[in-house]
Amino acid sequence: MKILVVDDMPLMRHVLINMLRRLEYADITEATDGIQAMSYLKKQAFDLLVTDLNMPKMDGSTLIDKVKHELNCADTAILVVTCEDNKRILLKLISAKIDGIMVKPFCLKTLEKQLAYIATKRGKQNQKNQVL
């Protein structure tokens, strides 16, 4: 599975990447903001986009909107990682038809459960070397 992790905080990106590796996902690319993520998404297909919401240059909500409407990446699952607990914002994300949300802080088990949920939701097997 090809995964793009987007977060402006290097520590958070590395935590996520290490967690994904512990879950035996190896094909991982990292981006520091939505603009860099868009440049990667225009060049190659990803099975999963894991993005933070609050980032400079282009925030996660704008990135999600562009992925859904400009790039037409319907096959890319989207998992949002955020410290946001505002109900209005979370409902907006849900209405954007993302595949999952994790509120920081979270543990490895939470990530594992979200990935399993996304695989089930999309009706595909959750195998490490296959698409969700």
C-alpha atoms as a PDB file:
ATOM      1  CA  MET A   1       0.000   0.000   0.000  1.00  0.00           C
ATOM      2  CA  LYS A   2       1.300   3.439  -0.948  1.00  0.00           C
ATOM      3  CA  ILE A   3       0.779   5.992   1.866  1.00  0.00           C
ATOM      4  CA  LEU A   4       1.286   9.772   1.944  1.00  0.00           C
ATOM      5  CA  VAL A   5       1.693  11.290   5.433  1.00  0.00           C
ATOM      6  CA  VAL A   6       1.179  15.073   5.619  1.00  0.00           C
ATOM      7  CA  ASP A   7       1.980  17.086   8.753  1.00  0.00           C
ATOM      8  CA  ASP A   8       3.921  20.297   9.296  1.00  0.00           C
ATOM      9  CA  MET A   9       5.337  19.026  12.597  1.00  0.00           C
ATOM     10  CA  PRO A  10       8.381  16.792  11.931  1.00  0.00           C
ATOM     11  CA  LEU A  11       7.951  14.915  15.210  1.00  0.00           C
ATOM     12  CA  MET A  12       4.317  14.036  14.443  1.00  0.00           C
ATOM     13  CA  ARG A  13       5.198  12.930  10.900  1.00  0.00           C
ATOM     14  CA  HIS A  14       7.928  10.674  12.238  1.00  0.00           C
ATOM     15  CA  VAL A  15       5.687   9.225  14.950  1.00  0.00           C
ATOM     16  CA  LEU A  16       3.056   8.393  12.325  1.00  0.00           C
ATOM     17  CA  ILE A  17       5.597   6.921   9.934  1.00  0.00           C
ATOM     18  CA  ASN A  18       7.141   4.790  12.687  1.00  0.00           C
ATOM     19  CA  MET A  19       3.704   3.552  13.735  1.00  0.00           C
ATOM     20  CA  LEU A  20       2.872   2.636  10.139  1.00  0.00           C
ATOM     21  CA  ARG A  21       6.175   0.789   9.826  1.00  0.00           C
ATOM     22  CA  ARG A  22       5.446  -1.103  13.049  1.00  0.00           C
ATOM     23  CA  LEU A  23       2.205  -2.177  11.388  1.00  0.00           C
ATOM     24  CA  GLU A  24       4.368  -3.406   8.470  1.00  0.00           C
ATOM     25  CA  TYR A  25       3.529  -0.681   5.955  1.00  0.00           C
ATOM     26  CA  ALA A  26       6.686   0.220   4.061  1.00  0.00           C
ATOM     27  CA  ASP A  27       5.791   2.366   1.031  1.00  0.00           C
ATOM     28  CA  ILE A  28       5.463   5.720   2.838  1.00  0.00           C
ATOM     29  CA  THR A  29       6.079   9.235   1.521  1.00  0.00           C
ATOM     30  CA  GLU A  30       6.053  12.325   3.729  1.00  0.00           C
ATOM     31  CA  ALA A  31       5.030  15.909   2.987  1.00  0.00           C
ATOM     32  CA  THR A  32       5.419  18.984   5.190  1.00  0.00           C
ATOM     33  CA  ASP A  33       2.226  20.758   4.090  1.00  0.00           C
ATOM     34  CA  GLY A  34      -0.718  20.596   1.713  1.00  0.00           C
ATOM     35  CA  ILE A  35       1.144  22.259  -1.153  1.00  0.00           C
ATOM     36  CA  GLN A  36       3.918  19.661  -1.084  1.00  0.00           C
ATOM     37  CA  ALA A  37       1.295  16.914  -0.747  1.00  0.00           C
ATOM     38  CA  MET A  38      -0.537  18.205  -3.842  1.00  0.00           C
ATOM     39  CA  SER A  39       2.688  18.081  -5.869  1.00  0.00           C
ATOM     40  CA  TYR A  40       3.160  14.408  -4.884  1.00  0.00           C
ATOM     41  CA  LEU A  41      -0.508  13.568  -5.537  1.00  0.00           C
ATOM     42  CA  LYS A  42      -0.343  15.090  -9.025  1.00  0.00           C
ATOM     43  CA  LYS A  43       2.653  12.896  -9.912  1.00  0.00           C
ATOM     44  CA  GLN A  44       1.623   9.555  -8.431  1.00  0.00           C
ATOM     45  CA  ALA A  45      -1.313   7.650  -7.000  1.00  0.00           C
ATOM     46  CA  PHE A  46      -1.563   6.906  -3.278  1.00  0.00           C
ATOM     47  CA  ASP A  47      -3.830   4.380  -1.608  1.00  0.00           C
ATOM     48  CA  LEU A  48      -4.010   6.342   1.653  1.00  0.00           C
ATOM     49  CA  LEU A  49      -3.592  10.007   2.538  1.00  0.00           C
ATOM     50  CA  VAL A  50      -2.973  10.665   6.238  1.00  0.00           C
ATOM     51  CA  THR A  51      -3.180  14.396   6.882  1.00  0.00           C
ATOM     52  CA  ASP A  52      -3.162  16.871   9.725  1.00  0.00           C
ATOM     53  CA  LEU A  53      -5.749  19.662   9.645  1.00  0.00           C
ATOM     54  CA  ASN A  54      -3.845  22.667  10.955  1.00  0.00           C
ATOM     55  CA  MET A  55      -0.875  23.377   8.694  1.00  0.00           C
ATOM     56  CA  PRO A  56       0.639  26.501   7.134  1.00  0.00           C
ATOM     57  CA  LYS A  57       0.493  27.266   3.391  1.00  0.00           C
ATOM     58  CA  MET A  58      -2.407  24.865   2.763  1.00  0.00           C
ATOM     59  CA  ASP A  59      -4.406  23.349   5.614  1.00  0.00           C
ATOM     60  CA  GLY A  60      -5.785  19.834   5.689  1.00  0.00           C
ATOM     61  CA  SER A  61      -9.369  20.866   4.889  1.00  0.00           C
ATOM     62  CA  THR A  62      -8.247  22.646   1.727  1.00  0.00           C
ATOM     63  CA  LEU A  63      -6.047  19.680   0.803  1.00  0.00           C
ATOM     64  CA  ILE A  64      -8.978  17.284   1.218  1.00  0.00           C
ATOM     65  CA  ASP A  65     -11.215  19.527  -0.908  1.00  0.00           C
ATOM     66  CA  LYS A  66      -8.591  19.713  -3.677  1.00  0.00           C
ATOM     67  CA  VAL A  67      -7.972  15.951  -3.578  1.00  0.00           C
ATOM     68  CA  LYS A  68     -11.700  15.250  -3.875  1.00  0.00           C
ATOM     69  CA  HIS A  69     -12.637  17.899  -6.445  1.00  0.00           C
ATOM     70  CA  GLU A  70      -9.558  18.894  -8.438  1.00  0.00           C
ATOM     71  CA  LEU A  71      -7.503  15.706  -8.546  1.00  0.00           C
ATOM     72  CA  ASN A  72     -10.481  13.348  -8.525  1.00  0.00           C
ATOM     73  CA  CYS A  73      -8.633  10.801  -6.384  1.00  0.00           C
ATOM     74  CA  ALA A  74     -11.686   8.712  -5.506  1.00  0.00           C
ATOM     75  CA  ASP A  75      -9.539   5.647  -4.882  1.00  0.00           C
ATOM     76  CA  THR A  76      -7.414   7.427  -2.269  1.00  0.00           C
ATOM     77  CA  ALA A  77      -8.631   6.818   1.285  1.00  0.00           C
ATOM     78  CA  ILE A  78      -8.301   9.839   3.581  1.00  0.00           C
ATOM     79  CA  LEU A  79      -7.483   9.621   7.288  1.00  0.00           C
ATOM     80  CA  VAL A  80      -7.393  12.906   9.210  1.00  0.00           C
ATOM     81  CA  VAL A  81      -5.168  13.286  12.264  1.00  0.00           C
ATOM     82  CA  THR A  82      -6.006  16.329  14.379  1.00  0.00           C
ATOM     83  CA  CYS A  83      -5.967  17.837  17.836  1.00  0.00           C
ATOM     84  CA  GLU A  84      -9.227  19.599  16.897  1.00  0.00           C
ATOM     85  CA  ASP A  85     -12.171  18.647  19.090  1.00  0.00           C
ATOM     86  CA  ASN A  86     -14.584  21.304  17.820  1.00  0.00           C
ATOM     87  CA  LYS A  87     -17.821  19.495  16.947  1.00  0.00           C
ATOM     88  CA  ARG A  88     -18.601  21.831  14.028  1.00  0.00           C
ATOM     89  CA  ILE A  89     -15.227  21.174  12.398  1.00  0.00           C
ATOM     90  CA  LEU A  90     -15.461  17.424  12.934  1.00  0.00           C
ATOM     91  CA  LEU A  91     -18.961  17.364  11.406  1.00  0.00           C
ATOM     92  CA  LYS A  92     -17.647  19.322   8.411  1.00  0.00           C
ATOM     93  CA  LEU A  93     -14.950  16.678   7.944  1.00  0.00           C
ATOM     94  CA  ILE A  94     -17.492  13.889   8.122  1.00  0.00           C
ATOM     95  CA  SER A  95     -19.654  15.651   5.521  1.00  0.00           C
ATOM     96  CA  ALA A  96     -16.550  15.864   3.293  1.00  0.00           C
ATOM     97  CA  LYS A  97     -16.727  12.053   3.217  1.00  0.00           C
ATOM     98  CA  ILE A  98     -13.307  11.338   4.622  1.00  0.00           C
ATOM     99  CA  ASP A  99     -12.637   7.747   5.589  1.00  0.00           C
ATOM    100  CA  GLY A 100     -11.482   8.207   9.185  1.00  0.00           C
ATOM    101  CA  ILE A 101     -10.496  10.643  11.943  1.00  0.00           C
ATOM    102  CA  MET A 102      -8.008  10.261  14.780  1.00  0.00           C
ATOM    103  CA  VAL A 103      -7.799  12.874  17.526  1.00  0.00           C
ATOM    104  CA  LYS A 104      -4.321  13.472  18.966  1.00  0.00           C
ATOM    105  CA  PRO A 105      -2.908  12.011  21.080  1.00  0.00           C
ATOM    106  CA  PHE A 106      -3.518   8.473  19.849  1.00  0.00           C
ATOM    107  CA  CYS A 107      -1.756   5.134  20.176  1.00  0.00           C
ATOM    108  CA  LEU A 108      -0.662   2.413  17.780  1.00  0.00           C
ATOM    109  CA  LYS A 109      -3.814   0.390  18.485  1.00  0.00           C
ATOM    110  CA  THR A 110      -6.022   3.353  17.502  1.00  0.00           C
ATOM    111  CA  LEU A 111      -4.169   3.713  14.192  1.00  0.00           C
ATOM    112  CA  GLU A 112      -4.453  -0.010  13.577  1.00  0.00           C
ATOM    113  CA  LYS A 113      -8.213   0.093  14.263  1.00  0.00           C
ATOM    114  CA  GLN A 114      -8.697   3.094  11.964  1.00  0.00           C
ATOM    115  CA  LEU A 115      -6.847   1.356   9.134  1.00  0.00           C
ATOM    116  CA  ALA A 116      -8.969  -1.769   9.624  1.00  0.00           C
ATOM    117  CA  TYR A 117     -12.138   0.370   9.695  1.00  0.00           C
ATOM    118  CA  ILE A 118     -11.136   2.114   6.450  1.00  0.00           C
ATOM    119  CA  ALA A 119     -10.423  -1.230   4.775  1.00  0.00           C
ATOM    120  CA  THR A 120     -13.816  -2.572   5.877  1.00  0.00           C
ATOM    121  CA  LYS A 121     -15.604   0.628   4.879  1.00  0.00           C
ATOM    122  CA  ARG A 122     -14.112   0.467   1.413  1.00  0.00           C
ATOM    123  CA  GLY A 123     -14.966  -3.223   1.182  1.00  0.00           C
ATOM    124  CA  LYS A 124     -11.418  -4.373   0.517  1.00  0.00           C
ATOM    125  CA  GLN A 125      -8.967  -6.555   2.375  1.00  0.00           C
ATOM    126  CA  ASN A 126      -6.467  -4.871   4.666  1.00  0.00           C
ATOM    127  CA  GLN A 127      -3.285  -6.479   3.408  1.00  0.00           C
ATOM    128  CA  LYS A 128       0.044  -4.735   3.793  1.00  0.00           C
ATOM    129  CA  ASN A 129       1.093  -4.986   0.156  1.00  0.00           C
ATOM    130  CA  GLN A 130      -2.291  -4.408  -1.446  1.00  0.00           C
ATOM    131  CA  VAL A 131      -4.509  -1.406  -1.901  1.00  0.00           C
ATOM    132  CA  LEU A 132      -6.995  -0.707   0.928  1.00  0.00           C
END
